[in-house]
Amino acid sequence: MAQGEDPVMETLDDINAVSLSRTDLDSRSLMFVRIAALAAVEAPMMSHLLHIGPAGEAGLTVDDVDNVLVAVAPIIGTARTAAAVGKIAEALGLAIQLTSEDTE
């Protein structure tokens, strides 16, 4: 049985830590790859939300994310690209809302 206050998030953190320890990509390149992969698999909004902080810390901008989506659009198709745009926008909105609630 899972243990800890939030076993699901702890498991996701562990999985990501292993992935990060086994790549030589710099943080910016890693975020480019992950954003492209999230779009390709039609990841849910929550997956995009979990990458907003690390992407920002790596120095990615909204323009960078747009460029990633433009680059992968011919490969993943218009429907997945459009879905990713919507999910990223939703995740950004939620991140802004959560941040503003934390500062109140």
C-alpha atoms as a PDB file:
ATOM      1  CA  MET A   1       0.000   0.000   0.000  1.00  0.00           C
ATOM      2  CA  ALA A   2       1.187   3.534  -0.799  1.00  0.00           C
ATOM      3  CA  GLN A   3       2.428   5.584   2.108  1.00  0.00           C
ATOM      4  CA  GLY A   4       3.031   9.274   2.809  1.00  0.00           C
ATOM      5  CA  GLU A   5       0.821  12.341   2.737  1.00  0.00           C
ATOM      6  CA  ASP A   6       0.399  12.301  -1.036  1.00  0.00           C
ATOM      7  CA  PRO A   7       1.589   8.944  -2.407  1.00  0.00           C
ATOM      8  CA  VAL A   8       0.587   9.692  -6.009  1.00  0.00           C
ATOM      9  CA  MET A   9       2.569  12.945  -6.174  1.00  0.00           C
ATOM     10  CA  GLU A  10       5.493  11.328  -4.355  1.00  0.00           C
ATOM     11  CA  THR A  11       5.516   8.531  -6.933  1.00  0.00           C
ATOM     12  CA  LEU A  12       5.435  11.025  -9.802  1.00  0.00           C
ATOM     13  CA  ASP A  13       8.302  12.953  -8.186  1.00  0.00           C
ATOM     14  CA  ASP A  14      10.300   9.721  -7.873  1.00  0.00           C
ATOM     15  CA  ILE A  15       9.682   8.780 -11.514  1.00  0.00           C
ATOM     16  CA  ASN A  16      10.754  12.233 -12.675  1.00  0.00           C
ATOM     17  CA  ALA A  17      13.853  12.192 -10.470  1.00  0.00           C
ATOM     18  CA  VAL A  18      14.983   8.919 -12.064  1.00  0.00           C
ATOM     19  CA  SER A  19      14.354  10.307 -15.547  1.00  0.00           C
ATOM     20  CA  LEU A  20      16.304  13.485 -14.794  1.00  0.00           C
ATOM     21  CA  SER A  21      19.221  11.539 -13.354  1.00  0.00           C
ATOM     22  CA  ARG A  22      19.546   9.493 -16.546  1.00  0.00           C
ATOM     23  CA  THR A  23      19.648  12.255 -19.148  1.00  0.00           C
ATOM     24  CA  ASP A  24      22.388  14.622 -20.203  1.00  0.00           C
ATOM     25  CA  LEU A  25      19.926  17.151 -21.626  1.00  0.00           C
ATOM     26  CA  ASP A  26      20.072  20.621 -20.159  1.00  0.00           C
ATOM     27  CA  SER A  27      16.893  21.729 -18.381  1.00  0.00           C
ATOM     28  CA  ARG A  28      15.696  23.889 -21.286  1.00  0.00           C
ATOM     29  CA  SER A  29      16.070  21.096 -23.854  1.00  0.00           C
ATOM     30  CA  LEU A  30      14.444  18.642 -21.470  1.00  0.00           C
ATOM     31  CA  MET A  31      11.385  20.885 -21.143  1.00  0.00           C
ATOM     32  CA  PHE A  32      11.157  21.260 -24.936  1.00  0.00           C
ATOM     33  CA  VAL A  33      11.143  17.474 -25.288  1.00  0.00           C
ATOM     34  CA  ARG A  34       8.607  16.985 -22.505  1.00  0.00           C
ATOM     35  CA  ILE A  35       6.211  19.612 -23.883  1.00  0.00           C
ATOM     36  CA  ALA A  36       6.398  17.968 -27.297  1.00  0.00           C
ATOM     37  CA  ALA A  37       5.782  14.541 -25.761  1.00  0.00           C
ATOM     38  CA  LEU A  38       2.818  15.810 -23.728  1.00  0.00           C
ATOM     39  CA  ALA A  39       1.251  17.193 -26.906  1.00  0.00           C
ATOM     40  CA  ALA A  40       1.937  13.971 -28.816  1.00  0.00           C
ATOM     41  CA  VAL A  41       0.189  11.751 -26.273  1.00  0.00           C
ATOM     42  CA  GLU A  42      -2.722  14.149 -25.684  1.00  0.00           C
ATOM     43  CA  ALA A  43      -1.759  14.457 -22.036  1.00  0.00           C
ATOM     44  CA  PRO A  44      -4.396  15.769 -19.634  1.00  0.00           C
ATOM     45  CA  MET A  45      -4.318  19.342 -18.373  1.00  0.00           C
ATOM     46  CA  MET A  46      -2.869  18.233 -15.035  1.00  0.00           C
ATOM     47  CA  SER A  47       0.236  16.864 -16.769  1.00  0.00           C
ATOM     48  CA  HIS A  48       0.762  20.223 -18.453  1.00  0.00           C
ATOM     49  CA  LEU A  49       0.194  21.968 -15.121  1.00  0.00           C
ATOM     50  CA  LEU A  50       2.924  19.866 -13.493  1.00  0.00           C
ATOM     51  CA  HIS A  51       5.396  21.110 -16.126  1.00  0.00           C
ATOM     52  CA  ILE A  52       4.623  24.841 -15.891  1.00  0.00           C
ATOM     53  CA  GLY A  53       6.898  25.463 -12.903  1.00  0.00           C
ATOM     54  CA  PRO A  54       9.875  23.491 -14.247  1.00  0.00           C
ATOM     55  CA  ALA A  55       9.442  25.028 -17.717  1.00  0.00           C
ATOM     56  CA  GLY A  56       9.461  28.523 -16.231  1.00  0.00           C
ATOM     57  CA  GLU A  57      12.494  27.690 -14.113  1.00  0.00           C
ATOM     58  CA  ALA A  58      14.257  26.458 -17.263  1.00  0.00           C
ATOM     59  CA  GLY A  59      13.575  29.823 -18.896  1.00  0.00           C
ATOM     60  CA  LEU A  60      10.923  28.750 -21.392  1.00  0.00           C
ATOM     61  CA  THR A  61       8.505  31.412 -22.554  1.00  0.00           C
ATOM     62  CA  VAL A  62       5.057  31.187 -24.108  1.00  0.00           C
ATOM     63  CA  ASP A  63       6.744  31.858 -27.471  1.00  0.00           C
ATOM     64  CA  ASP A  64       9.026  28.863 -26.892  1.00  0.00           C
ATOM     65  CA  VAL A  65       6.020  26.632 -26.217  1.00  0.00           C
ATOM     66  CA  ASP A  66       4.318  27.975 -29.357  1.00  0.00           C
ATOM     67  CA  ASN A  67       7.449  27.121 -31.353  1.00  0.00           C
ATOM     68  CA  VAL A  68       7.502  23.579 -29.954  1.00  0.00           C
ATOM     69  CA  LEU A  69       3.866  23.073 -30.937  1.00  0.00           C
ATOM     70  CA  VAL A  70       4.475  24.492 -34.426  1.00  0.00           C
ATOM     71  CA  ALA A  71       7.425  22.113 -34.829  1.00  0.00           C
ATOM     72  CA  VAL A  72       5.486  18.999 -33.820  1.00  0.00           C
ATOM     73  CA  ALA A  73       2.160  19.885 -35.483  1.00  0.00           C
ATOM     74  CA  PRO A  74       2.965  18.183 -38.811  1.00  0.00           C
ATOM     75  CA  ILE A  75       3.906  15.011 -36.943  1.00  0.00           C
ATOM     76  CA  ILE A  76       1.152  14.826 -34.301  1.00  0.00           C
ATOM     77  CA  GLY A  77      -1.627  16.413 -36.364  1.00  0.00           C
ATOM     78  CA  THR A  78      -3.873  19.411 -36.010  1.00  0.00           C
ATOM     79  CA  ALA A  79      -6.315  17.844 -33.548  1.00  0.00           C
ATOM     80  CA  ARG A  80      -3.614  16.939 -31.015  1.00  0.00           C
ATOM     81  CA  THR A  81      -1.905  20.293 -31.484  1.00  0.00           C
ATOM     82  CA  ALA A  82      -5.157  22.185 -30.931  1.00  0.00           C
ATOM     83  CA  ALA A  83      -5.943  20.021 -27.904  1.00  0.00           C
ATOM     84  CA  ALA A  84      -2.499  20.763 -26.454  1.00  0.00           C
ATOM     85  CA  VAL A  85      -3.013  24.508 -26.930  1.00  0.00           C
ATOM     86  CA  GLY A  86      -6.302  24.323 -25.029  1.00  0.00           C
ATOM     87  CA  LYS A  87      -4.889  22.201 -22.223  1.00  0.00           C
ATOM     88  CA  ILE A  88      -1.810  24.405 -21.852  1.00  0.00           C
ATOM     89  CA  ALA A  89      -3.997  27.519 -21.725  1.00  0.00           C
ATOM     90  CA  GLU A  90      -6.205  25.883 -19.104  1.00  0.00           C
ATOM     91  CA  ALA A  91      -3.146  24.836 -17.080  1.00  0.00           C
ATOM     92  CA  LEU A  92      -1.674  28.352 -17.247  1.00  0.00           C
ATOM     93  CA  GLY A  93      -4.976  29.815 -16.080  1.00  0.00           C
ATOM     94  CA  LEU A  94      -5.116  27.421 -13.144  1.00  0.00           C
ATOM     95  CA  ALA A  95      -1.459  28.104 -12.278  1.00  0.00           C
ATOM     96  CA  ILE A  96      -2.147  31.850 -12.229  1.00  0.00           C
ATOM     97  CA  GLN A  97      -5.230  31.321 -10.082  1.00  0.00           C
ATOM     98  CA  LEU A  98      -3.353  29.114  -7.613  1.00  0.00           C
ATOM     99  CA  THR A  99      -0.469  31.581  -7.436  1.00  0.00           C
ATOM    100  CA  SER A 100      -2.788  34.514  -6.765  1.00  0.00           C
ATOM    101  CA  GLU A 101      -4.562  32.544  -4.019  1.00  0.00           C
ATOM    102  CA  ASP A 102      -1.190  31.780  -2.409  1.00  0.00           C
ATOM    103  CA  THR A 103      -0.292  35.475  -2.292  1.00  0.00           C
ATOM    104  CA  GLU A 104      -3.556  36.591  -0.696  1.00  0.00           C
END
